[in-house]
Amino acid sequence: MLTCKDFLEELTDYLDEKTDAEIREKLERHIAECPNCWVICDTTKRTLRIYKGMKEYDVPRDVHSRLMVALEKKMATTR
């Protein structure tokens, strides 16, 4: 039996349809029995559908630069 943690570890491959039939069946059984994981899966599917339908936009240079600086600072403090 899969745990919620197992489900979350496999979620990306499940949504990308990269899991084998046996694991897929276990994941679908878990989703059917676990309302929390069902919500996570359903919300993620809906979010992906929305993003796939959106037009791409370039990030302005100043926003990109500020984001990179913030990420570098954050990574430096977590090391």
Protein backbone atom coordinates (compact mmCIF):
# COMPACT_ATOMS: atom_id res chain seq x y z
CA MET A 1 0.00 0.00 0.00
CA LEU A 2 1.28 3.44 -0.92
CA THR A 3 1.67 6.21 1.60
CA CYS A 4 0.97 9.85 0.85
CA LYS A 5 4.72 10.45 0.78
CA ASP A 6 5.11 7.67 -1.83
CA PHE A 7 2.32 9.23 -3.86
CA LEU A 8 3.93 12.68 -3.81
CA GLU A 9 7.28 11.23 -4.87
CA GLU A 10 5.64 9.64 -7.92
CA LEU A 11 3.24 12.48 -8.78
CA THR A 12 5.33 14.10 -11.50
CA ASP A 13 5.94 10.84 -13.33
CA TYR A 14 2.27 9.91 -12.90
CA LEU A 15 1.09 13.17 -14.44
CA ASP A 16 3.65 12.86 -17.24
CA GLU A 17 2.40 9.29 -17.80
CA LYS A 18 5.89 7.88 -17.23
CA THR A 19 4.99 5.31 -14.57
CA ASP A 20 4.62 1.64 -15.39
CA ALA A 21 1.17 0.06 -15.26
CA GLU A 22 1.62 -1.50 -11.81
CA ILE A 23 2.69 1.73 -10.10
CA ARG A 24 0.03 3.71 -11.98
CA GLU A 25 -2.64 1.33 -10.67
CA LYS A 26 -1.36 1.73 -7.09
CA LEU A 27 -1.30 5.52 -7.45
CA GLU A 28 -4.84 5.60 -8.82
CA ARG A 29 -6.05 3.36 -6.00
CA HIS A 30 -4.40 5.69 -3.48
CA ILE A 31 -6.01 8.76 -5.09
CA ALA A 32 -9.40 7.06 -4.91
CA GLU A 33 -8.96 6.34 -1.20
CA CYS A 34 -7.16 9.50 -0.02
CA PRO A 35 -9.04 12.78 -0.35
CA ASN A 36 -5.95 14.87 0.41
CA CYS A 37 -3.89 13.31 -2.38
CA TRP A 38 -6.87 13.48 -4.73
CA VAL A 39 -7.03 17.26 -4.16
CA ILE A 40 -3.29 17.63 -4.73
CA CYS A 41 -3.44 15.60 -7.93
CA ASP A 42 -6.55 17.34 -9.26
CA THR A 43 -5.22 20.82 -8.46
CA THR A 44 -1.87 20.05 -10.07
CA LYS A 45 -3.57 18.71 -13.22
CA ARG A 46 -5.73 21.82 -13.48
CA THR A 47 -2.76 24.12 -12.90
CA LEU A 48 -0.75 22.40 -15.63
CA ARG A 49 -3.66 22.71 -18.07
CA ILE A 50 -3.87 26.45 -17.38
CA TYR A 51 -0.14 27.01 -17.80
CA LYS A 52 0.08 24.93 -20.98
CA GLY A 53 -2.60 27.13 -22.53
CA MET A 54 -0.90 30.42 -21.68
CA LYS A 55 1.17 32.52 -24.00
CA GLU A 56 4.84 32.86 -23.04
CA TYR A 57 6.17 36.27 -22.04
CA ASP A 58 9.74 37.38 -21.58
CA VAL A 59 10.72 38.42 -18.08
CA PRO A 60 11.93 42.04 -18.06
CA ARG A 61 15.70 42.31 -17.57
CA ASP A 62 15.47 44.25 -14.30
CA VAL A 63 13.08 41.66 -12.83
CA HIS A 64 15.34 38.84 -13.99
CA SER A 65 18.40 40.51 -12.45
CA ARG A 66 16.66 41.11 -9.10
CA LEU A 67 15.38 37.55 -9.05
CA MET A 68 18.84 36.12 -9.68
CA VAL A 69 20.35 38.25 -6.90
CA ALA A 70 17.63 37.15 -4.47
CA LEU A 71 18.13 33.49 -5.40
CA GLU A 72 21.90 33.72 -4.99
CA LYS A 73 21.46 35.29 -1.53
CA LYS A 74 18.97 32.60 -0.52
CA MET A 75 21.22 29.81 -1.75
CA ALA A 76 24.21 31.29 0.09
CA THR A 77 22.30 31.27 3.38
CA THR A 78 21.09 27.67 3.01
CA ARG A 79 24.52 26.16 2.38
